Amino acid sequence: MHEAKTRKCLIRGTVVLNFGVLCLLAIPPLNTPTAMNAIRNSGLVPFLEVAIPTWFVGSTVLATLFFFYPLVRKSATFESEGVRLTGWFLLIWWIAAILLVLYGLGLGAGG
């Protein structure tokens, strides 16, 4: 029981953290010319160009694996307490991630 609760908290925490990082990247205070120049001048751009996509992909895949692992082992069902809510959190994150990728592809194709 404790393992299932830890897994749910880990999945929910990862999804909430991903949305938080996404909001920081998309809205002020980080999305201002002053902040962008400060990041550029700090020399962190090569690191961030690799770290941010790696984090989003890796954490999403791990959260998905943590969600489906007990379902595959038959130790949990979709009707279990909290599994549905966790599944909805994860589904909403996947939809947001896919829409962001499509938006990025659309921006790249436009110019």
N, C-alpha and C. Protein backbone atom coordinates (compact mmCIF):
# COMPACT_ATOMS: atom_id res chain seq x y z
N MET A 1 0.83 -1.19 0.00
CA MET A 1 0.00 0.00 0.00
C MET A 1 0.87 1.26 0.00
N HIS A 2 1.95 1.22 0.80
CA HIS A 2 2.83 2.38 0.89
C HIS A 2 3.51 2.63 -0.45
N GLU A 3 3.86 1.56 -1.16
CA GLU A 3 4.51 1.69 -2.46
C GLU A 3 3.58 2.35 -3.47
N ALA A 4 2.33 2.00 -3.45
CA ALA A 4 1.36 2.59 -4.37
C ALA A 4 1.16 4.08 -4.08
N LYS A 5 1.13 4.43 -2.82
CA LYS A 5 0.96 5.83 -2.44
C LYS A 5 2.19 6.65 -2.85
N THR A 6 3.36 6.09 -2.66
CA THR A 6 4.59 6.75 -3.08
C THR A 6 4.62 6.94 -4.58
N ARG A 7 4.20 5.92 -5.32
CA ARG A 7 4.18 5.99 -6.78
C ARG A 7 3.22 7.09 -7.25
N LYS A 8 2.02 7.15 -6.65
CA LYS A 8 1.06 8.18 -7.04
C LYS A 8 1.60 9.58 -6.75
N CYS A 9 2.23 9.76 -5.60
CA CYS A 9 2.80 11.06 -5.25
C CYS A 9 3.94 11.43 -6.20
N LEU A 10 4.74 10.45 -6.57
CA LEU A 10 5.84 10.69 -7.50
C LEU A 10 5.31 11.11 -8.87
N ILE A 11 4.29 10.45 -9.35
CA ILE A 11 3.72 10.79 -10.65
C ILE A 11 3.08 12.17 -10.61
N ARG A 12 2.26 12.42 -9.59
CA ARG A 12 1.59 13.72 -9.48
C ARG A 12 2.61 14.84 -9.30
N GLY A 13 3.62 14.61 -8.49
CA GLY A 13 4.66 15.62 -8.28
C GLY A 13 5.42 15.94 -9.55
N THR A 14 5.72 14.91 -10.33
CA THR A 14 6.43 15.12 -11.59
C THR A 14 5.59 15.93 -12.56
N VAL A 15 4.31 15.61 -12.66
CA VAL A 15 3.43 16.33 -13.58
C VAL A 15 3.27 17.79 -13.13
N VAL A 16 3.08 18.01 -11.85
CA VAL A 16 2.94 19.39 -11.34
C VAL A 16 4.25 20.16 -11.56
N LEU A 17 5.39 19.53 -11.32
CA LEU A 17 6.68 20.18 -11.55
C LEU A 17 6.86 20.51 -13.03
N ASN A 18 6.47 19.61 -13.92
CA ASN A 18 6.57 19.88 -15.36
C ASN A 18 5.71 21.07 -15.75
N PHE A 19 4.48 21.13 -15.25
CA PHE A 19 3.63 22.27 -15.55
C PHE A 19 4.22 23.56 -14.98
N GLY A 20 4.81 23.47 -13.79
CA GLY A 20 5.45 24.65 -13.19
C GLY A 20 6.62 25.16 -14.01
N VAL A 21 7.49 24.26 -14.44
CA VAL A 21 8.62 24.66 -15.27
C VAL A 21 8.13 25.22 -16.60
N LEU A 22 7.13 24.58 -17.17
CA LEU A 22 6.56 25.06 -18.43
C LEU A 22 6.00 26.47 -18.27
N CYS A 23 5.30 26.73 -17.18
CA CYS A 23 4.76 28.07 -16.95
C CYS A 23 5.88 29.09 -16.76
N LEU A 24 6.94 28.72 -16.06
CA LEU A 24 8.07 29.64 -15.90
C LEU A 24 8.72 29.98 -17.24
N LEU A 25 8.76 29.00 -18.14
CA LEU A 25 9.38 29.24 -19.44
C LEU A 25 8.46 30.02 -20.37
N ALA A 26 7.15 29.91 -20.19
CA ALA A 26 6.21 30.51 -21.13
C ALA A 26 5.72 31.89 -20.71
N ILE A 27 5.69 32.17 -19.42
CA ILE A 27 5.14 33.44 -18.95
C ILE A 27 6.22 34.21 -18.20
N PRO A 28 6.02 35.52 -18.03
CA PRO A 28 6.99 36.28 -17.24
C PRO A 28 7.11 35.67 -15.86
N PRO A 29 8.20 35.78 -15.21
CA PRO A 29 9.32 36.68 -15.36
C PRO A 29 10.45 36.19 -16.29
N LEU A 30 10.47 34.93 -16.69
CA LEU A 30 11.57 34.45 -17.51
C LEU A 30 11.42 34.77 -18.99
N ASN A 31 10.25 35.14 -19.41
CA ASN A 31 10.01 35.38 -20.83
C ASN A 31 10.04 36.89 -21.14
N THR A 32 11.03 37.58 -20.61
CA THR A 32 11.22 39.00 -20.89
C THR A 32 12.57 39.18 -21.57
N PRO A 33 12.73 40.24 -22.33
CA PRO A 33 14.03 40.46 -22.98
C PRO A 33 15.19 40.56 -21.99
N THR A 34 14.96 41.19 -20.85
CA THR A 34 16.02 41.32 -19.84
C THR A 34 16.45 39.95 -19.33
N ALA A 35 15.48 39.11 -19.01
CA ALA A 35 15.80 37.77 -18.51
C ALA A 35 16.48 36.93 -19.59
N MET A 36 16.02 37.03 -20.83
CA MET A 36 16.63 36.27 -21.92
C MET A 36 18.08 36.69 -22.14
N ASN A 37 18.35 38.00 -22.08
CA ASN A 37 19.72 38.49 -22.23
C ASN A 37 20.60 38.01 -21.08
N ALA A 38 20.06 38.00 -19.86
CA ALA A 38 20.82 37.53 -18.71
C ALA A 38 21.16 36.04 -18.85
N ILE A 39 20.22 35.25 -19.33
CA ILE A 39 20.48 33.82 -19.53
C ILE A 39 21.52 33.63 -20.63
N ARG A 40 21.40 34.39 -21.72
CA ARG A 40 22.35 34.30 -22.82
C ARG A 40 23.76 34.67 -22.37
N ASN A 41 23.87 35.73 -21.57
CA ASN A 41 25.17 36.20 -21.11
C ASN A 41 25.79 35.31 -20.04
N SER A 42 24.99 34.51 -19.37
CA SER A 42 25.51 33.65 -18.31
C SER A 42 26.24 32.42 -18.85
N GLY A 43 26.03 32.10 -20.10
CA GLY A 43 26.68 30.93 -20.68
C GLY A 43 25.95 29.63 -20.43
N LEU A 44 24.75 29.70 -19.92
CA LEU A 44 23.97 28.50 -19.61
C LEU A 44 23.17 27.97 -20.79
N VAL A 45 23.15 28.71 -21.89
CA VAL A 45 22.30 28.33 -23.02
C VAL A 45 22.61 26.93 -23.55
N PRO A 46 23.88 26.56 -23.78
CA PRO A 46 24.13 25.19 -24.28
C PRO A 46 23.65 24.11 -23.32
N PHE A 47 23.81 24.34 -22.02
CA PHE A 47 23.34 23.38 -21.03
C PHE A 47 21.81 23.30 -21.02
N LEU A 48 21.15 24.46 -21.03
CA LEU A 48 19.69 24.49 -20.97
C LEU A 48 19.05 23.93 -22.23
N GLU A 49 19.71 24.10 -23.38
CA GLU A 49 19.18 23.54 -24.63
C GLU A 49 19.10 22.03 -24.59
N VAL A 50 19.94 21.40 -23.80
CA VAL A 50 19.93 19.94 -23.66
C VAL A 50 19.12 19.52 -22.44
N ALA A 51 19.28 20.24 -21.34
CA ALA A 51 18.69 19.83 -20.07
C ALA A 51 17.17 19.91 -20.06
N ILE A 52 16.61 20.98 -20.59
CA ILE A 52 15.16 21.17 -20.52
C ILE A 52 14.40 20.12 -21.34
N PRO A 53 14.76 19.91 -22.63
CA PRO A 53 14.04 18.85 -23.36
C PRO A 53 14.27 17.45 -22.77
N THR A 54 15.49 17.20 -22.29
CA THR A 54 15.78 15.90 -21.68
C THR A 54 14.93 15.69 -20.45
N TRP A 55 14.79 16.73 -19.62
CA TRP A 55 13.95 16.63 -18.42
C TRP A 55 12.50 16.35 -18.80
N PHE A 56 11.96 17.12 -19.75
CA PHE A 56 10.55 16.94 -20.10
C PHE A 56 10.28 15.55 -20.67
N VAL A 57 11.13 15.09 -21.56
CA VAL A 57 10.92 13.76 -22.16
C VAL A 57 11.15 12.67 -21.12
N GLY A 58 12.26 12.75 -20.40
CA GLY A 58 12.58 11.72 -19.42
C GLY A 58 11.56 11.62 -18.30
N SER A 59 11.16 12.76 -17.75
CA SER A 59 10.20 12.72 -16.64
C SER A 59 8.83 12.25 -17.11
N THR A 60 8.45 12.61 -18.32
CA THR A 60 7.15 12.16 -18.85
C THR A 60 7.15 10.65 -19.07
N VAL A 61 8.21 10.14 -19.65
CA VAL A 61 8.29 8.69 -19.88
C VAL A 61 8.34 7.94 -18.56
N LEU A 62 9.14 8.42 -17.60
CA LEU A 62 9.20 7.75 -16.30
C LEU A 62 7.87 7.78 -15.56
N ALA A 63 7.20 8.93 -15.60
CA ALA A 63 5.88 9.01 -14.94
C ALA A 63 4.89 8.05 -15.58
N THR A 64 4.96 7.93 -16.91
CA THR A 64 4.06 7.00 -17.61
C THR A 64 4.39 5.56 -17.24
N LEU A 65 5.67 5.23 -17.17
CA LEU A 65 6.06 3.87 -16.77
C LEU A 65 5.63 3.57 -15.34
N PHE A 66 5.81 4.53 -14.44
CA PHE A 66 5.39 4.34 -13.05
C PHE A 66 3.88 4.16 -12.95
N PHE A 67 3.13 4.80 -13.84
CA PHE A 67 1.68 4.67 -13.81
C PHE A 67 1.24 3.31 -14.31
N PHE A 68 1.81 2.84 -15.43
CA PHE A 68 1.34 1.60 -16.04
C PHE A 68 1.97 0.35 -15.44
N TYR A 69 3.07 0.45 -14.73
CA TYR A 69 3.74 -0.73 -14.17
C TYR A 69 2.82 -1.55 -13.26
N PRO A 70 2.14 -0.95 -12.27
CA PRO A 70 1.25 -1.78 -11.43
C PRO A 70 0.02 -2.27 -12.18
N LEU A 71 -0.41 -1.54 -13.19
CA LEU A 71 -1.56 -1.99 -13.97
C LEU A 71 -1.21 -3.21 -14.80
N VAL A 72 0.02 -3.26 -15.31
CA VAL A 72 0.46 -4.41 -16.08
C VAL A 72 0.66 -5.62 -15.16
N ARG A 73 1.16 -5.38 -13.96
CA ARG A 73 1.38 -6.47 -13.01
C ARG A 73 0.10 -6.90 -12.31
N LYS A 74 -1.00 -6.25 -12.61
CA LYS A 74 -2.32 -6.56 -12.05
C LYS A 74 -2.41 -6.30 -10.54
N SER A 75 -1.49 -5.46 -10.01
CA SER A 75 -1.58 -5.13 -8.59
C SER A 75 -2.45 -3.90 -8.35
N ALA A 76 -2.93 -3.29 -9.42
CA ALA A 76 -3.84 -2.16 -9.30
C ALA A 76 -4.78 -2.16 -10.50
N THR A 77 -5.88 -1.49 -10.34
CA THR A 77 -6.82 -1.34 -11.44
C THR A 77 -7.13 0.14 -11.61
N PHE A 78 -7.80 0.48 -12.70
CA PHE A 78 -8.17 1.87 -12.92
C PHE A 78 -9.20 2.34 -11.91
N GLU A 79 -9.87 1.42 -11.24
CA GLU A 79 -10.86 1.80 -10.24
C GLU A 79 -10.25 2.00 -8.87
N SER A 80 -8.97 1.72 -8.71
CA SER A 80 -8.32 1.90 -7.41
C SER A 80 -8.36 3.35 -6.99
N GLU A 81 -8.29 3.54 -5.67
CA GLU A 81 -8.35 4.89 -5.12
C GLU A 81 -7.18 5.73 -5.60
N GLY A 82 -7.45 6.83 -6.23
CA GLY A 82 -6.42 7.75 -6.67
C GLY A 82 -5.81 7.43 -8.02
N VAL A 83 -6.02 6.22 -8.53
CA VAL A 83 -5.42 5.87 -9.81
C VAL A 83 -6.07 6.65 -10.94
N ARG A 84 -7.37 6.83 -10.87
CA ARG A 84 -8.05 7.60 -11.91
C ARG A 84 -7.56 9.05 -11.93
N LEU A 85 -7.48 9.68 -10.76
CA LEU A 85 -7.03 11.07 -10.69
C LEU A 85 -5.60 11.21 -11.21
N THR A 86 -4.75 10.29 -10.80
CA THR A 86 -3.37 10.31 -11.28
C THR A 86 -3.32 10.10 -12.79
N GLY A 87 -4.15 9.22 -13.28
CA GLY A 87 -4.23 8.98 -14.72
C GLY A 87 -4.68 10.22 -15.47
N TRP A 88 -5.64 10.94 -14.90
CA TRP A 88 -6.10 12.18 -15.54
C TRP A 88 -4.99 13.23 -15.56
N PHE A 89 -4.25 13.36 -14.44
CA PHE A 89 -3.12 14.29 -14.41
C PHE A 89 -2.13 13.96 -15.53
N LEU A 90 -1.82 12.68 -15.63
CA LEU A 90 -0.85 12.24 -16.63
C LEU A 90 -1.37 12.44 -18.04
N LEU A 91 -2.64 12.15 -18.27
CA LEU A 91 -3.23 12.34 -19.60
C LEU A 91 -3.23 13.82 -20.00
N ILE A 92 -3.58 14.69 -19.07
CA ILE A 92 -3.59 16.13 -19.36
C ILE A 92 -2.18 16.60 -19.69
N TRP A 93 -1.18 16.11 -18.96
CA TRP A 93 0.20 16.48 -19.27
C TRP A 93 0.60 15.99 -20.67
N TRP A 94 0.24 14.76 -21.02
CA TRP A 94 0.57 14.24 -22.35
C TRP A 94 -0.08 15.07 -23.44
N ILE A 95 -1.34 15.45 -23.24
CA ILE A 95 -2.03 16.28 -24.24
C ILE A 95 -1.34 17.63 -24.37
N ALA A 96 -0.99 18.24 -23.24
CA ALA A 96 -0.29 19.54 -23.28
C ALA A 96 1.06 19.40 -23.98
N ALA A 97 1.80 18.33 -23.69
CA ALA A 97 3.10 18.14 -24.31
C ALA A 97 2.97 17.94 -25.81
N ILE A 98 2.01 17.15 -26.23
CA ILE A 98 1.81 16.92 -27.67
C ILE A 98 1.39 18.21 -28.37
N LEU A 99 0.50 18.97 -27.75
CA LEU A 99 0.08 20.24 -28.35
C LEU A 99 1.24 21.23 -28.45
N LEU A 100 2.11 21.25 -27.44
CA LEU A 100 3.28 22.12 -27.50
C LEU A 100 4.25 21.72 -28.61
N VAL A 101 4.43 20.42 -28.79
CA VAL A 101 5.29 19.96 -29.87
C VAL A 101 4.70 20.34 -31.22
N LEU A 102 3.40 20.15 -31.38
CA LEU A 102 2.75 20.54 -32.63
C LEU A 102 2.83 22.04 -32.86
N TYR A 103 2.69 22.82 -31.82
CA TYR A 103 2.81 24.27 -31.92
C TYR A 103 4.23 24.66 -32.34
N GLY A 104 5.22 24.03 -31.73
CA GLY A 104 6.60 24.29 -32.10
C GLY A 104 6.89 23.91 -33.54
N LEU A 105 6.35 22.78 -33.98
CA LEU A 105 6.53 22.38 -35.36
C LEU A 105 5.85 23.37 -36.31
N GLY A 106 4.70 23.87 -35.91
CA GLY A 106 4.00 24.86 -36.72
C GLY A 106 4.78 26.16 -36.82
N LEU A 107 5.39 26.57 -35.71
CA LEU A 107 6.22 27.78 -35.75
C LEU A 107 7.43 27.60 -36.65
N GLY A 108 8.04 26.42 -36.58
CA GLY A 108 9.21 26.15 -37.40
C GLY A 108 8.87 26.05 -38.87
N ALA A 109 7.70 25.55 -39.18
CA ALA A 109 7.30 25.38 -40.57
C ALA A 109 6.88 26.72 -41.19
N GLY A 110 6.57 27.68 -40.33
CA GLY A 110 6.09 28.96 -40.86
C GLY A 110 7.19 29.92 -41.27
N GLY A 111 8.42 29.64 -40.93
CA GLY A 111 9.40 30.65 -41.26
C GLY A 111 10.72 30.13 -41.52
